[in-house]
Amino acid sequence: MPELRENLATKRWVAIATERAKRSDDFNKGKELPAPRPAYDAKCPFCEGNETPDQTEEFSIRDPGTRPGEKGWKIRAIPNKYPVLVPARKGASIEVKRHKAGIYLHMEGIGKHEVIVENPAHNKTIATMTLDEVATVIKAYHERYLALDRDPAYKQVLIFRNQGAGAGASQLHPHSQIIATAIIAQHMRYALIEAQRYFDELGKCVFCDMIKYELAEKERLVMQNDKFVAFVPYAALLPYETWILPLKHSTSFANLLPEDTGSLAQILRDILAKLYYGLNNPDYNYCIKSVPHYSACEPYYHWHIQILPRLTTPAGFEIGSGMAVNVALPEESAKFLREFKVGTP
């Protein structure tokens, strides 16, 4: 019989469609790993050698003696050419105010939108990078997060990655994005409210309780290392949705310690490699969920990475009800990911 499950942290209900449940082979039908691509594409704006001298680099790790706009970089963060939000003009006030338009509200689209070009090679992705390369990506995430999180103009900083056209990616070259906004998104406010409600009632972090429970039950556990754990949520929104969380309570991604970067890189790379090789490179999104700067010292939230493979398409019920329908049992998804073995790149 179909089941309705509630996510303990978000209070969001999900329909687990057991009558339509699919296994990994069903998602793999007609799919193969992508054909090998060259390491360089003359038309790709992100490939090493296609830099423009006038392009701003917000951050980079590069070979000694090389300069922005030149070859010799390992990773770099640059302004998005087609930004969702833009910084305030030089000399203008950074204070963003709400304005009335009749009965409606509007405000300036002030913010920051950057692309993190993860690797000089056109043909890599997180799943196929070395651990050192993925650790470099995590380091860039952290550096840019800290820089934007400290800026009083911004209230929320979101790091995300779109892999594949079905997840909204417009470029094949490996890249992530980071957007800083002057408002807190509504779904993040709801998440903070629910986490605070749980803490006020029980005096504990809801995410810590979920970690403890999943480690004990092991049914939805995917993997863990010395610092992080990954599991499929009890009320997973989509097939193979996976969360990665620090084992030790930590409210903000800003608190990531340099010595923990390698552990995070290892678990993120291994989860994505399991998806890449086990499900033939599905499109996916992942995002780093972290508190706004002004809540960084609060005890109730727990930062994490949410990975959402795009193996199904929302239809009328999902759109009309706002309730996700998952056609894969979370326990089966976790078992597949847990048991699928990947060689070490």
Protein backbone atom coordinates (compact mmCIF):
# COMPACT_ATOMS: atom_id res chain seq x y z
CA MET A 1 0.00 0.00 0.00
CA PRO A 2 1.25 3.54 -0.72
CA GLU A 3 2.56 5.43 2.27
CA LEU A 4 2.71 9.05 3.37
CA ARG A 5 5.87 9.97 5.27
CA GLU A 6 6.76 13.16 7.11
CA ASN A 7 10.23 14.65 7.12
CA LEU A 8 11.03 15.21 10.80
CA ALA A 9 13.14 18.31 10.11
CA THR A 10 10.95 20.12 7.58
CA LYS A 11 7.49 18.70 8.43
CA ARG A 12 6.99 18.21 4.69
CA TRP A 13 4.90 15.18 3.71
CA VAL A 14 5.97 12.90 0.86
CA ALA A 15 3.98 10.19 -0.91
CA ILE A 16 5.97 6.97 -1.24
CA ALA A 17 4.30 5.33 -4.23
CA THR A 18 4.97 1.69 -3.41
CA GLU A 19 2.54 0.55 -6.13
CA ARG A 20 4.77 2.23 -8.69
CA ALA A 21 8.08 1.58 -6.93
CA LYS A 22 11.11 1.31 -9.22
CA ARG A 23 14.52 -0.25 -8.71
CA SER A 24 17.88 0.92 -10.01
CA ASP A 25 17.56 -1.14 -13.22
CA ASP A 26 14.33 0.69 -14.07
CA PHE A 27 16.11 4.04 -13.91
CA ASN A 28 19.01 2.70 -15.98
CA LYS A 29 16.93 1.45 -18.92
CA GLY A 30 18.08 2.97 -22.19
CA LYS A 31 20.87 4.91 -20.47
CA GLU A 32 24.61 4.61 -20.81
CA LEU A 33 27.54 6.53 -19.42
CA PRO A 34 28.30 9.55 -21.62
CA ALA A 35 30.83 9.16 -24.39
CA PRO A 36 34.29 10.46 -23.47
CA ARG A 37 34.74 14.18 -24.10
CA PRO A 38 37.97 16.00 -24.88
CA ALA A 39 39.70 17.81 -22.03
CA TYR A 40 39.50 21.07 -23.99
CA ASP A 41 36.67 22.68 -25.99
CA ALA A 42 37.53 25.78 -28.01
CA LYS A 43 33.95 27.05 -27.66
CA CYS A 44 33.67 26.56 -23.89
CA PRO A 45 34.02 29.83 -21.93
CA PHE A 46 35.24 27.92 -18.85
CA CYS A 47 38.04 25.89 -20.44
CA GLU A 48 41.63 26.73 -19.61
CA GLY A 49 43.03 28.79 -22.46
CA ASN A 50 39.72 30.55 -23.16
CA GLU A 51 40.07 33.11 -20.36
CA THR A 52 39.53 36.78 -21.12
CA PRO A 53 42.09 39.23 -19.66
CA ASP A 54 39.40 41.64 -18.47
CA GLN A 55 37.42 38.99 -16.57
CA THR A 56 37.28 39.50 -12.81
CA GLU A 57 38.39 36.64 -10.62
CA GLU A 58 36.80 36.74 -7.20
CA PHE A 59 38.94 33.81 -6.08
CA SER A 60 41.42 31.42 -7.63
CA ILE A 61 44.05 28.84 -6.85
CA ARG A 62 46.68 29.00 -9.54
CA ASP A 63 50.26 28.22 -10.39
CA PRO A 64 52.89 30.63 -8.98
CA GLY A 65 53.64 33.50 -11.33
CA THR A 66 50.35 33.32 -13.25
CA ARG A 67 47.81 36.11 -13.16
CA PRO A 68 44.01 36.39 -13.47
CA GLY A 69 42.93 36.10 -17.10
CA GLU A 70 45.77 33.68 -17.85
CA LYS A 71 46.20 29.92 -17.92
CA GLY A 72 47.68 28.13 -14.93
CA TRP A 73 44.69 27.97 -12.58
CA LYS A 74 43.31 24.97 -10.70
CA ILE A 75 39.98 26.53 -9.72
CA ARG A 76 38.48 29.99 -9.96
CA ALA A 77 35.36 31.92 -9.05
CA ILE A 78 34.12 34.47 -11.59
CA PRO A 79 31.00 36.64 -11.94
CA ASN A 80 28.11 34.90 -13.69
CA LYS A 81 27.64 36.34 -17.18
CA TYR A 82 23.85 36.12 -16.80
CA PRO A 83 23.31 36.81 -13.09
CA VAL A 84 20.06 36.31 -11.21
CA LEU A 85 21.07 39.19 -8.92
CA VAL A 86 23.65 41.96 -9.31
CA PRO A 87 25.77 43.95 -6.83
CA ALA A 88 24.81 47.52 -5.97
CA ARG A 89 26.39 50.11 -8.23
CA LYS A 90 29.60 51.62 -6.92
CA GLY A 91 28.82 54.50 -4.62
CA ALA A 92 25.17 53.44 -4.21
CA SER A 93 23.69 52.47 -0.86
CA ILE A 94 23.87 48.75 -0.08
CA GLU A 95 20.68 48.98 1.98
CA VAL A 96 17.93 47.11 0.12
CA LYS A 97 14.45 48.41 0.88
CA ARG A 98 11.01 47.09 0.07
CA HIS A 99 8.79 49.32 -2.06
CA LYS A 100 5.05 49.36 -2.60
CA ALA A 101 3.45 48.98 -6.01
CA GLY A 102 -0.23 49.29 -5.16
CA ILE A 103 -0.95 46.33 -2.89
CA TYR A 104 2.27 44.55 -3.91
CA LEU A 105 5.86 44.64 -2.67
CA HIS A 106 9.03 44.79 -4.73
CA MET A 107 12.70 45.49 -4.14
CA GLU A 108 15.93 45.90 -6.08
CA GLY A 109 17.53 42.68 -7.27
CA ILE A 110 20.71 43.29 -5.31
CA GLY A 111 23.01 40.36 -4.62
CA LYS A 112 26.02 38.46 -5.92
CA HIS A 113 26.04 35.62 -8.42
CA GLU A 114 29.28 33.78 -9.12
CA VAL A 115 30.35 30.70 -11.03
CA ILE A 116 32.95 28.42 -9.47
CA VAL A 117 34.79 26.79 -12.36
CA GLU A 118 35.85 23.59 -10.63
CA ASN A 119 38.59 22.29 -12.91
CA PRO A 120 40.56 23.35 -15.99
CA ALA A 121 39.56 20.10 -17.75
CA HIS A 122 36.33 20.15 -19.74
CA ASN A 123 35.68 16.43 -19.35
CA LYS A 124 35.64 16.01 -15.58
CA THR A 125 32.90 16.08 -12.99
CA ILE A 126 32.96 15.76 -9.20
CA ALA A 127 32.34 12.01 -9.52
CA THR A 128 35.44 11.50 -11.66
CA MET A 129 37.84 13.94 -9.99
CA THR A 130 40.59 12.92 -7.60
CA LEU A 131 40.07 13.54 -3.90
CA ASP A 132 42.60 16.38 -4.00
CA GLU A 133 40.65 18.04 -6.81
CA VAL A 134 37.35 17.72 -4.94
CA ALA A 135 38.99 19.05 -1.77
CA THR A 136 40.06 22.09 -3.80
CA VAL A 137 36.42 22.59 -4.82
CA ILE A 138 35.33 22.42 -1.16
CA LYS A 139 38.04 24.92 -0.23
CA ALA A 140 36.78 27.35 -2.89
CA TYR A 141 33.19 26.90 -1.66
CA HIS A 142 34.30 27.74 1.88
CA GLU A 143 36.42 30.74 0.93
CA ARG A 144 33.65 32.33 -1.14
CA TYR A 145 31.00 31.47 1.45
CA LEU A 146 33.00 33.22 4.17
CA ALA A 147 33.61 36.29 2.01
CA LEU A 148 29.95 36.72 1.08
CA ASP A 149 28.58 35.70 4.48
CA ARG A 150 30.58 38.48 6.14
CA ASP A 151 29.15 41.12 3.80
CA PRO A 152 26.38 43.02 5.64
CA ALA A 153 24.54 43.55 2.33
CA TYR A 154 23.63 39.86 2.18
CA LYS A 155 21.37 37.78 4.41
CA GLN A 156 21.67 34.35 2.81
CA VAL A 157 24.40 32.58 0.83
CA LEU A 158 23.53 29.53 -1.25
CA ILE A 159 26.04 27.22 -2.94
CA PHE A 160 24.61 24.81 -5.47
CA ARG A 161 25.54 22.60 -8.40
CA ASN A 162 23.41 21.74 -11.44
CA GLN A 163 24.56 18.63 -13.30
CA GLY A 164 22.94 17.95 -16.68
CA ALA A 165 20.27 19.67 -18.73
CA GLY A 166 17.49 18.07 -16.67
CA ALA A 167 18.87 19.85 -13.60
CA GLY A 168 19.18 23.23 -15.31
CA ALA A 169 22.85 23.16 -16.32
CA SER A 170 23.63 25.18 -19.45
CA GLN A 171 27.35 24.33 -19.61
CA LEU A 172 29.02 20.91 -19.70
CA HIS A 173 32.23 22.17 -18.12
CA PRO A 174 32.35 21.25 -14.38
CA HIS A 175 31.11 24.21 -12.37
CA SER A 176 29.06 25.21 -9.35
CA GLN A 177 27.34 28.48 -8.51
CA ILE A 178 27.03 30.68 -5.46
CA ILE A 179 24.36 33.33 -4.95
CA ALA A 180 24.14 35.83 -2.10
CA THR A 181 20.75 37.44 -1.52
CA ALA A 182 19.43 40.36 0.50
CA ILE A 183 16.44 38.33 1.72
CA ILE A 184 15.89 34.91 3.29
CA ALA A 185 14.00 32.54 0.99
CA GLN A 186 10.63 31.41 2.33
CA HIS A 187 11.45 27.67 2.36
CA MET A 188 14.61 28.40 4.37
CA ARG A 189 12.57 30.41 6.86
CA TYR A 190 10.20 27.46 7.26
CA ALA A 191 13.15 25.10 7.81
CA LEU A 192 14.59 27.40 10.47
CA ILE A 193 11.21 27.77 12.18
CA GLU A 194 10.66 24.00 12.33
CA ALA A 195 14.18 23.38 13.62
CA GLN A 196 13.71 26.05 16.28
CA ARG A 197 10.31 24.63 17.26
CA TYR A 198 11.88 21.18 17.77
CA PHE A 199 14.69 22.64 19.84
CA ASP A 200 12.32 24.71 21.96
CA GLU A 201 10.17 21.63 22.67
CA LEU A 202 12.88 19.00 23.24
CA GLY A 203 16.08 20.98 23.80
CA LYS A 204 17.83 19.11 20.99
CA CYS A 205 18.81 19.59 17.35
CA VAL A 206 16.40 17.70 15.09
CA PHE A 207 19.20 16.91 12.63
CA CYS A 208 21.39 15.49 15.40
CA ASP A 209 18.49 13.26 16.43
CA MET A 210 18.06 12.11 12.83
CA ILE A 211 21.79 11.32 12.56
CA LYS A 212 21.71 9.32 15.79
CA TYR A 213 18.63 7.39 14.67
CA GLU A 214 19.89 6.63 11.16
CA LEU A 215 23.28 5.47 12.49
CA ALA A 216 21.49 3.10 14.87
CA GLU A 217 18.92 1.82 12.38
CA LYS A 218 21.36 1.60 9.43
CA GLU A 219 18.45 0.94 7.04
CA ARG A 220 18.82 4.25 5.20
CA LEU A 221 22.51 4.76 5.94
CA VAL A 222 24.68 5.09 2.83
CA MET A 223 28.13 5.73 4.26
CA GLN A 224 30.08 7.57 6.90
CA ASN A 225 33.66 8.55 7.66
CA ASP A 226 35.39 10.16 10.61
CA LYS A 227 33.60 13.51 10.25
CA PHE A 228 30.51 13.11 8.04
CA VAL A 229 27.55 10.81 7.47
CA ALA A 230 25.34 10.29 4.41
CA PHE A 231 21.85 8.79 4.42
CA VAL A 232 18.69 8.73 2.36
CA PRO A 233 16.00 10.65 4.31
CA TYR A 234 13.05 8.67 5.67
CA ALA A 235 10.75 10.94 3.63
CA ALA A 236 13.02 11.38 0.61
CA LEU A 237 11.53 13.77 -1.93
CA LEU A 238 13.00 11.97 -4.94
CA PRO A 239 14.57 8.59 -5.73
CA TYR A 240 18.09 8.43 -4.26
CA GLU A 241 17.90 11.80 -2.52
CA THR A 242 20.85 11.85 -0.12
CA TRP A 243 21.88 14.14 2.73
CA ILE A 244 25.46 14.64 3.89
CA LEU A 245 25.83 16.06 7.40
CA PRO A 246 28.69 16.69 9.83
CA LEU A 247 28.62 14.08 12.58
CA LYS A 248 29.36 16.78 15.15
CA HIS A 249 26.73 19.49 15.51
CA SER A 250 27.55 22.53 13.39
CA THR A 251 25.12 25.29 12.51
CA SER A 252 26.83 26.99 9.58
CA PHE A 253 28.97 25.91 6.64
CA ALA A 254 31.19 28.81 7.71
CA ASN A 255 32.31 26.61 10.62
CA LEU A 256 33.87 23.93 8.39
CA LEU A 257 37.41 23.34 9.66
CA PRO A 258 40.26 23.17 7.12
CA GLU A 259 41.28 19.77 8.47
CA ASP A 260 37.77 18.42 7.72
CA THR A 261 37.82 19.45 4.06
CA GLY A 262 39.30 16.12 2.93
CA SER A 263 36.64 14.10 4.79
CA LEU A 264 33.85 16.12 3.18
CA ALA A 265 35.48 15.79 -0.24
CA GLN A 266 35.74 12.02 0.19
CA ILE A 267 32.10 11.45 1.10
CA LEU A 268 30.74 13.91 -1.50
CA ARG A 269 32.89 12.44 -4.30
CA ASP A 270 32.00 8.86 -3.34
CA ILE A 271 28.24 9.49 -3.22
CA LEU A 272 28.31 11.21 -6.61
CA ALA A 273 30.50 8.44 -8.03
CA LYS A 274 27.92 5.86 -6.89
CA LEU A 275 25.25 7.83 -8.75
CA TYR A 276 27.50 8.33 -11.79
CA TYR A 277 28.49 4.69 -12.25
CA GLY A 278 25.53 3.01 -10.59
CA LEU A 279 22.79 4.99 -12.36
CA ASN A 280 24.71 6.01 -15.49
CA ASN A 281 25.34 9.65 -14.69
CA PRO A 282 21.87 10.98 -13.84
CA ASP A 283 21.19 14.70 -13.85
CA TYR A 284 21.17 16.08 -10.33
CA ASN A 285 21.22 19.18 -8.18
CA TYR A 286 22.93 19.58 -4.88
CA CYS A 287 22.95 22.52 -2.52
CA ILE A 288 24.55 23.40 0.77
CA LYS A 289 21.89 24.27 3.34
CA SER A 290 23.25 26.67 5.96
CA VAL A 291 21.83 29.31 8.29
CA PRO A 292 21.79 33.05 7.58
CA HIS A 293 24.69 34.94 9.13
CA TYR A 294 22.58 36.41 11.92
CA SER A 295 21.58 32.88 13.07
CA ALA A 296 25.09 31.41 12.99
CA CYS A 297 25.31 31.16 16.79
CA GLU A 298 21.88 29.57 17.28
CA PRO A 299 21.92 25.93 18.43
CA TYR A 300 18.96 24.48 16.55
CA TYR A 301 20.05 24.12 12.91
CA HIS A 302 22.61 21.74 11.37
CA TRP A 303 24.16 22.56 7.98
CA HIS A 304 24.10 19.83 5.36
CA ILE A 305 24.36 19.04 1.67
CA GLN A 306 21.18 17.90 -0.05
CA ILE A 307 21.68 15.85 -3.25
CA LEU A 308 18.64 15.52 -5.52
CA PRO A 309 18.99 13.21 -8.55
CA ARG A 310 16.56 14.16 -11.34
CA LEU A 311 15.29 10.72 -12.30
CA THR A 312 11.60 11.59 -12.42
CA THR A 313 9.51 14.56 -13.56
CA PRO A 314 6.96 16.26 -11.28
CA ALA A 315 3.41 16.04 -12.66
CA GLY A 316 0.00 17.48 -11.88
CA PHE A 317 -0.42 16.00 -8.40
CA GLU A 318 2.96 17.27 -7.21
CA ILE A 319 2.37 20.72 -8.68
CA GLY A 320 -1.21 20.99 -7.43
CA SER A 321 -0.69 19.57 -3.95
CA GLY A 322 2.87 20.66 -3.25
CA MET A 323 3.52 17.09 -2.10
CA ALA A 324 6.36 15.15 -3.69
CA VAL A 325 5.79 11.63 -5.01
CA ASN A 326 8.76 9.29 -4.65
CA VAL A 327 8.59 6.12 -6.77
CA ALA A 328 11.60 4.52 -5.07
CA LEU A 329 11.55 3.22 -1.52
CA PRO A 330 14.13 5.20 0.49
CA GLU A 331 15.36 1.99 2.12
CA GLU A 332 15.95 0.40 -1.31
CA SER A 333 17.69 3.53 -2.59
CA ALA A 334 20.00 3.55 0.42
CA LYS A 335 20.75 -0.18 0.08
CA PHE A 336 21.71 0.24 -3.57
CA LEU A 337 23.99 3.21 -2.87
CA ARG A 338 25.49 1.59 0.20
CA GLU A 339 26.35 -1.66 -1.59
CA PHE A 340 27.40 -0.28 -4.98
CA LYS A 341 31.20 -0.34 -5.18
CA VAL A 342 33.19 2.23 -7.10
CA GLY A 343 36.89 2.04 -7.96
CA THR A 344 39.13 4.82 -6.66
CA PRO A 345 39.97 7.41 -9.39
